[in-house]
Amino acid sequence: MKPQLIIFGILIAGFIVFNLFFQLPDDRTNTAVNIIYASLLFAYISFMAYSLIRKMKK
Protein backbone atom coordinates (compact mmCIF):
# COMPACT_ATOMS: atom_id res chain seq x y z
CA MET A 1 0.00 0.00 0.00
CA LYS A 2 2.92 2.33 0.64
CA PRO A 3 4.02 2.65 -3.03
CA GLN A 4 0.45 3.55 -3.97
CA LEU A 5 0.41 6.33 -1.39
CA ILE A 6 3.74 7.66 -2.66
CA ILE A 7 2.39 7.74 -6.23
CA PHE A 8 -0.75 9.48 -4.98
CA GLY A 9 1.37 12.08 -3.17
CA ILE A 10 3.35 12.72 -6.35
CA LEU A 11 0.11 13.15 -8.31
CA ILE A 12 -1.22 15.63 -5.73
CA ALA A 13 2.07 17.55 -5.77
CA GLY A 14 1.94 17.65 -9.58
CA PHE A 15 -1.60 19.03 -9.44
CA ILE A 16 -0.57 21.77 -7.01
CA VAL A 17 2.55 22.67 -9.00
CA PHE A 18 0.55 22.82 -12.24
CA ASN A 19 -2.03 25.14 -10.72
CA LEU A 20 0.57 27.43 -9.16
CA PHE A 21 3.20 27.69 -11.89
CA PHE A 22 2.10 26.17 -15.20
CA GLN A 23 -1.39 27.53 -15.77
CA LEU A 24 -2.47 27.77 -19.37
CA PRO A 25 -3.26 31.25 -20.72
CA ASP A 26 -6.72 30.23 -21.94
CA ASP A 27 -9.08 29.90 -18.97
CA ARG A 28 -11.33 27.42 -20.72
CA THR A 29 -8.47 25.07 -21.60
CA ASN A 30 -6.97 25.46 -18.14
CA THR A 31 -10.29 24.47 -16.57
CA ALA A 32 -10.55 21.44 -18.86
CA VAL A 33 -7.04 20.30 -17.90
CA ASN A 34 -7.85 20.75 -14.21
CA ILE A 35 -11.04 18.71 -14.55
CA ILE A 36 -9.23 15.90 -16.39
CA TYR A 37 -6.40 15.87 -13.83
CA ALA A 38 -8.86 15.83 -10.93
CA SER A 39 -10.74 12.96 -12.60
CA LEU A 40 -7.49 11.00 -12.80
CA LEU A 41 -6.86 11.67 -9.11
CA PHE A 42 -10.32 10.41 -8.16
CA ALA A 43 -9.86 7.36 -10.38
CA TYR A 44 -6.59 6.61 -8.60
CA ILE A 45 -8.31 6.98 -5.22
CA SER A 46 -10.94 4.45 -6.31
CA PHE A 47 -8.19 2.10 -7.54
CA MET A 48 -6.48 2.32 -4.13
CA ALA A 49 -9.76 1.63 -2.35
CA TYR A 50 -10.48 -1.35 -4.60
CA SER A 51 -7.04 -2.84 -4.05
CA LEU A 52 -7.37 -2.31 -0.28
CA ILE A 53 -10.74 -4.08 -0.23
CA ARG A 54 -9.25 -6.97 -2.25
CA LYS A 55 -6.41 -7.27 0.27
CA MET A 56 -8.86 -7.23 3.17
CA LYS A 57 -10.85 -10.11 1.68
CA LYS A 58 -7.78 -12.38 1.62
PDB file of N, CA and C in Angstrom:
ATOM      1  N   MET A   1       0.821  -1.198   0.000  1.00  0.00           N
ATOM      2  CA  MET A   1       0.000   0.000   0.000  1.00  0.00           C
ATOM      3  C   MET A   1       0.862   1.257   0.000  1.00  0.00           C
ATOM      4  N   LYS A   2       2.074   1.155   0.547  1.00  0.00           N
ATOM      5  CA  LYS A   2       2.918   2.330   0.642  1.00  0.00           C
ATOM      6  C   LYS A   2       3.323   2.896  -0.722  1.00  0.00           C
ATOM      7  N   PRO A   3       3.689   2.071  -1.713  1.00  0.00           N
ATOM      8  CA  PRO A   3       4.023   2.650  -3.028  1.00  0.00           C
ATOM      9  C   PRO A   3       2.839   3.382  -3.665  1.00  0.00           C
ATOM     10  N   GLN A   4       1.629   2.877  -3.435  1.00  0.00           N
ATOM     11  CA  GLN A   4       0.452   3.553  -3.973  1.00  0.00           C
ATOM     12  C   GLN A   4       0.257   4.927  -3.341  1.00  0.00           C
ATOM     13  N   LEU A   5       0.535   5.039  -2.050  1.00  0.00           N
ATOM     14  CA  LEU A   5       0.406   6.335  -1.386  1.00  0.00           C
ATOM     15  C   LEU A   5       1.484   7.311  -1.861  1.00  0.00           C
ATOM     16  N   ILE A   6       2.671   6.799  -2.145  1.00  0.00           N
ATOM     17  CA  ILE A   6       3.742   7.659  -2.660  1.00  0.00           C
ATOM     18  C   ILE A   6       3.364   8.187  -4.042  1.00  0.00           C
ATOM     19  N   ILE A   7       2.829   7.306  -4.893  1.00  0.00           N
ATOM     20  CA  ILE A   7       2.393   7.741  -6.229  1.00  0.00           C
ATOM     21  C   ILE A   7       1.274   8.761  -6.110  1.00  0.00           C
ATOM     22  N   PHE A   8       0.342   8.527  -5.183  1.00  0.00           N
ATOM     23  CA  PHE A   8      -0.745   9.480  -4.985  1.00  0.00           C
ATOM     24  C   PHE A   8      -0.215  10.835  -4.511  1.00  0.00           C
ATOM     25  N   GLY A   9       0.764  10.824  -3.620  1.00  0.00           N
ATOM     26  CA  GLY A   9       1.366  12.075  -3.167  1.00  0.00           C
ATOM     27  C   GLY A   9       2.046  12.823  -4.303  1.00  0.00           C
ATOM     28  N   ILE A  10       2.701  12.089  -5.189  1.00  0.00           N
ATOM     29  CA  ILE A  10       3.348  12.717  -6.351  1.00  0.00           C
ATOM     30  C   ILE A  10       2.298  13.325  -7.274  1.00  0.00           C
ATOM     31  N   LEU A  11       1.190  12.615  -7.473  1.00  0.00           N
ATOM     32  CA  LEU A  11       0.112  13.153  -8.312  1.00  0.00           C
ATOM     33  C   LEU A  11      -0.492  14.422  -7.713  1.00  0.00           C
ATOM     34  N   ILE A  12      -0.688  14.430  -6.401  1.00  0.00           N
ATOM     35  CA  ILE A  12      -1.217  15.629  -5.728  1.00  0.00           C
ATOM     36  C   ILE A  12      -0.235  16.788  -5.852  1.00  0.00           C
ATOM     37  N   ALA A  13       1.059  16.505  -5.645  1.00  0.00           N
ATOM     38  CA  ALA A  13       2.074  17.554  -5.773  1.00  0.00           C
ATOM     39  C   ALA A  13       2.113  18.094  -7.203  1.00  0.00           C
ATOM     40  N   GLY A  14       1.975  17.212  -8.194  1.00  0.00           N
ATOM     41  CA  GLY A  14       1.937  17.652  -9.579  1.00  0.00           C
ATOM     42  C   GLY A  14       0.737  18.538  -9.852  1.00  0.00           C
ATOM     43  N   PHE A  15      -0.398  18.211  -9.273  1.00  0.00           N
ATOM     44  CA  PHE A  15      -1.602  19.025  -9.438  1.00  0.00           C
ATOM     45  C   PHE A  15      -1.399  20.416  -8.845  1.00  0.00           C
ATOM     46  N   ILE A  16      -0.808  20.475  -7.667  1.00  0.00           N
ATOM     47  CA  ILE A  16      -0.574  21.769  -7.013  1.00  0.00           C
ATOM     48  C   ILE A  16       0.434  22.591  -7.799  1.00  0.00           C
ATOM     49  N   VAL A  17       1.522  21.958  -8.236  1.00  0.00           N
ATOM     50  CA  VAL A  17       2.547  22.672  -9.001  1.00  0.00           C
ATOM     51  C   VAL A  17       1.973  23.188 -10.315  1.00  0.00           C
ATOM     52  N   PHE A  18       1.162  22.370 -10.981  1.00  0.00           N
ATOM     53  CA  PHE A  18       0.555  22.815 -12.238  1.00  0.00           C
ATOM     54  C   PHE A  18      -0.317  24.037 -12.023  1.00  0.00           C
ATOM     55  N   ASN A  19      -1.120  24.017 -10.963  1.00  0.00           N
ATOM     56  CA  ASN A  19      -2.026  25.138 -10.724  1.00  0.00           C
ATOM     57  C   ASN A  19      -1.307  26.396 -10.259  1.00  0.00           C
ATOM     58  N   LEU A  20      -0.162  26.247  -9.616  1.00  0.00           N
ATOM     59  CA  LEU A  20       0.568  27.428  -9.157  1.00  0.00           C
ATOM     60  C   LEU A  20       1.477  28.027 -10.221  1.00  0.00           C
ATOM     61  N   PHE A  21       2.149  27.187 -11.007  1.00  0.00           N
ATOM     62  CA  PHE A  21       3.200  27.689 -11.885  1.00  0.00           C
ATOM     63  C   PHE A  21       2.938  27.518 -13.378  1.00  0.00           C
ATOM     64  N   PHE A  22       2.217  26.490 -13.773  1.00  0.00           N
ATOM     65  CA  PHE A  22       2.097  26.171 -15.198  1.00  0.00           C
ATOM     66  C   PHE A  22       0.675  26.321 -15.722  1.00  0.00           C
ATOM     67  N   GLN A  23      -0.027  27.346 -15.290  1.00  0.00           N
ATOM     68  CA  GLN A  23      -1.389  27.535 -15.772  1.00  0.00           C
ATOM     69  C   GLN A  23      -1.370  27.928 -17.248  1.00  0.00           C
ATOM     70  N   LEU A  24      -2.350  27.440 -17.964  1.00  0.00           N
ATOM     71  CA  LEU A  24      -2.471  27.769 -19.375  1.00  0.00           C
ATOM     72  C   LEU A  24      -3.100  29.151 -19.526  1.00  0.00           C
ATOM     73  N   PRO A  25      -2.727  29.881 -20.569  1.00  0.00           N
ATOM     74  CA  PRO A  25      -3.259  31.246 -20.718  1.00  0.00           C
ATOM     75  C   PRO A  25      -4.768  31.279 -20.982  1.00  0.00           C
ATOM     76  N   ASP A  26      -5.289  30.276 -21.663  1.00  0.00           N
ATOM     77  CA  ASP A  26      -6.717  30.228 -21.941  1.00  0.00           C
ATOM     78  C   ASP A  26      -7.447  29.624 -20.745  1.00  0.00           C
ATOM     79  N   ASP A  27      -8.380  30.376 -20.168  1.00  0.00           N
ATOM     80  CA  ASP A  27      -9.082  29.904 -18.972  1.00  0.00           C
ATOM     81  C   ASP A  27      -9.899  28.645 -19.239  1.00  0.00           C
ATOM     82  N   ARG A  28     -10.485  28.575 -20.412  1.00  0.00           N
ATOM     83  CA  ARG A  28     -11.329  27.424 -20.720  1.00  0.00           C
ATOM     84  C   ARG A  28     -10.494  26.145 -20.819  1.00  0.00           C
ATOM     85  N   THR A  29      -9.349  26.224 -21.476  1.00  0.00           N
ATOM     86  CA  THR A  29      -8.466  25.071 -21.598  1.00  0.00           C
ATOM     87  C   THR A  29      -7.873  24.701 -20.250  1.00  0.00           C
ATOM     88  N   ASN A  30      -7.516  25.701 -19.468  1.00  0.00           N
ATOM     89  CA  ASN A  30      -6.966  25.458 -18.135  1.00  0.00           C
ATOM     90  C   ASN A  30      -7.987  24.730 -17.261  1.00  0.00           C
ATOM     91  N   THR A  31      -9.236  25.133 -17.338  1.00  0.00           N
ATOM     92  CA  THR A  31     -10.286  24.473 -16.570  1.00  0.00           C
ATOM     93  C   THR A  31     -10.468  23.030 -17.026  1.00  0.00           C
ATOM     94  N   ALA A  32     -10.409  22.802 -18.340  1.00  0.00           N
ATOM     95  CA  ALA A  32     -10.554  21.439 -18.859  1.00  0.00           C
ATOM     96  C   ALA A  32      -9.414  20.552 -18.376  1.00  0.00           C
ATOM     97  N   VAL A  33      -8.192  21.075 -18.375  1.00  0.00           N
ATOM     98  CA  VAL A  33      -7.043  20.299 -17.905  1.00  0.00           C
ATOM     99  C   VAL A  33      -7.186  20.002 -16.414  1.00  0.00           C
ATOM    100  N   ASN A  34      -7.646  20.975 -15.643  1.00  0.00           N
ATOM    101  CA  ASN A  34      -7.853  20.752 -14.207  1.00  0.00           C
ATOM    102  C   ASN A  34      -8.917  19.687 -13.950  1.00  0.00           C
ATOM    103  N   ILE A  35      -9.987  19.692 -14.729  1.00  0.00           N
ATOM    104  CA  ILE A  35     -11.045  18.707 -14.553  1.00  0.00           C
ATOM    105  C   ILE A  35     -10.531  17.312 -14.900  1.00  0.00           C
ATOM    106  N   ILE A  36      -9.771  17.199 -15.984  1.00  0.00           N
ATOM    107  CA  ILE A  36      -9.229  15.900 -16.390  1.00  0.00           C
ATOM    108  C   ILE A  36      -8.242  15.389 -15.343  1.00  0.00           C
ATOM    109  N   TYR A  37      -7.376  16.269 -14.846  1.00  0.00           N
ATOM    110  CA  TYR A  37      -6.398  15.870 -13.829  1.00  0.00           C
ATOM    111  C   TYR A  37      -7.106  15.442 -12.544  1.00  0.00           C
ATOM    112  N   ALA A  38      -8.118  16.199 -12.135  1.00  0.00           N
ATOM    113  CA  ALA A  38      -8.861  15.831 -10.927  1.00  0.00           C
ATOM    114  C   ALA A  38      -9.586  14.502 -11.121  1.00  0.00           C
ATOM    115  N   SER A  39     -10.084  14.243 -12.319  1.00  0.00           N
ATOM    116  CA  SER A  39     -10.737  12.961 -12.599  1.00  0.00           C
ATOM    117  C   SER A  39      -9.745  11.815 -12.472  1.00  0.00           C
ATOM    118  N   LEU A  40      -8.529  12.019 -12.948  1.00  0.00           N
ATOM    119  CA  LEU A  40      -7.493  10.997 -12.802  1.00  0.00           C
ATOM    120  C   LEU A  40      -7.162  10.754 -11.329  1.00  0.00           C
ATOM    121  N   LEU A  41      -7.127  11.831 -10.541  1.00  0.00           N
ATOM    122  CA  LEU A  41      -6.864  11.673  -9.109  1.00  0.00           C
ATOM    123  C   LEU A  41      -7.970  10.867  -8.431  1.00  0.00           C
ATOM    124  N   PHE A  42      -9.226  11.162  -8.753  1.00  0.00           N
ATOM    125  CA  PHE A  42     -10.324  10.407  -8.156  1.00  0.00           C
ATOM    126  C   PHE A  42     -10.334   8.960  -8.636  1.00  0.00           C
ATOM    127  N   ALA A  43      -9.955   8.737  -9.875  1.00  0.00           N
ATOM    128  CA  ALA A  43      -9.860   7.361 -10.382  1.00  0.00           C
ATOM    129  C   ALA A  43      -8.768   6.606  -9.635  1.00  0.00           C
ATOM    130  N   TYR A  44      -7.663   7.269  -9.343  1.00  0.00           N
ATOM    131  CA  TYR A  44      -6.590   6.606  -8.601  1.00  0.00           C
ATOM    132  C   TYR A  44      -7.010   6.322  -7.160  1.00  0.00           C
ATOM    133  N   ILE A  45      -7.786   7.227  -6.572  1.00  0.00           N
ATOM    134  CA  ILE A  45      -8.313   6.980  -5.221  1.00  0.00           C
ATOM    135  C   ILE A  45      -9.208   5.741  -5.239  1.00  0.00           C
ATOM    136  N   SER A  46     -10.056   5.618  -6.246  1.00  0.00           N
ATOM    137  CA  SER A  46     -10.942   4.453  -6.310  1.00  0.00           C
ATOM    138  C   SER A  46     -10.139   3.176  -6.551  1.00  0.00           C
ATOM    139  N   PHE A  47      -9.058   3.252  -7.342  1.00  0.00           N
ATOM    140  CA  PHE A  47      -8.193   2.095  -7.540  1.00  0.00           C
ATOM    141  C   PHE A  47      -7.545   1.675  -6.217  1.00  0.00           C
ATOM    142  N   MET A  48      -7.084   2.652  -5.423  1.00  0.00           N
ATOM    143  CA  MET A  48      -6.478   2.320  -4.130  1.00  0.00           C
ATOM    144  C   MET A  48      -7.500   1.685  -3.201  1.00  0.00           C
ATOM    145  N   ALA A  49      -8.718   2.203  -3.206  1.00  0.00           N
ATOM    146  CA  ALA A  49      -9.757   1.630  -2.353  1.00  0.00           C
ATOM    147  C   ALA A  49     -10.098   0.209  -2.788  1.00  0.00           C
ATOM    148  N   TYR A  50     -10.181  -0.005  -4.092  1.00  0.00           N
ATOM    149  CA  TYR A  50     -10.482  -1.349  -4.601  1.00  0.00           C
ATOM    150  C   TYR A  50      -9.379  -2.336  -4.234  1.00  0.00           C
ATOM    151  N   SER A  51      -8.133  -1.924  -4.381  1.00  0.00           N
ATOM    152  CA  SER A  51      -7.040  -2.836  -4.047  1.00  0.00           C
ATOM    153  C   SER A  51      -6.987  -3.103  -2.541  1.00  0.00           C
ATOM    154  N   LEU A  52      -7.330  -2.112  -1.731  1.00  0.00           N
ATOM    155  CA  LEU A  52      -7.370  -2.309  -0.284  1.00  0.00           C
ATOM    156  C   LEU A  52      -8.479  -3.286   0.099  1.00  0.00           C
ATOM    157  N   ILE A  53      -9.631  -3.163  -0.528  1.00  0.00           N
ATOM    158  CA  ILE A  53     -10.738  -4.084  -0.229  1.00  0.00           C
ATOM    159  C   ILE A  53     -10.369  -5.503  -0.659  1.00  0.00           C
ATOM    160  N   ARG A  54      -9.695  -5.640  -1.797  1.00  0.00           N
ATOM    161  CA  ARG A  54      -9.250  -6.971  -2.248  1.00  0.00           C
ATOM    162  C   ARG A  54      -8.280  -7.571  -1.263  1.00  0.00           C
ATOM    163  N   LYS A  55      -7.367  -6.749  -0.712  1.00  0.00           N
ATOM    164  CA  LYS A  55      -6.409  -7.272   0.266  1.00  0.00           C
ATOM    165  C   LYS A  55      -7.105  -7.664   1.561  1.00  0.00           C
ATOM    166  N   MET A  56      -8.143  -6.923   1.941  1.00  0.00           N
ATOM    167  CA  MET A  56      -8.855  -7.227   3.174  1.00  0.00           C
ATOM    168  C   MET A  56      -9.644  -8.530   3.059  1.00  0.00           C
ATOM    169  N   LYS A  57     -10.093  -8.874   1.860  1.00  0.00           N
ATOM    170  CA  LYS A  57     -10.847 -10.111   1.678  1.00  0.00           C
ATOM    171  C   LYS A  57      -9.960 -11.342   1.875  1.00  0.00           C
ATOM    172  N   LYS A  58      -8.691 -11.236   1.524  1.00  0.00           N
ATOM    173  CA  LYS A  58      -7.784 -12.379   1.622  1.00  0.00           C
ATOM    174  C   LYS A  58      -7.400 -12.694   3.014  1.00  0.00           C
TER     175      LYS A  58
END
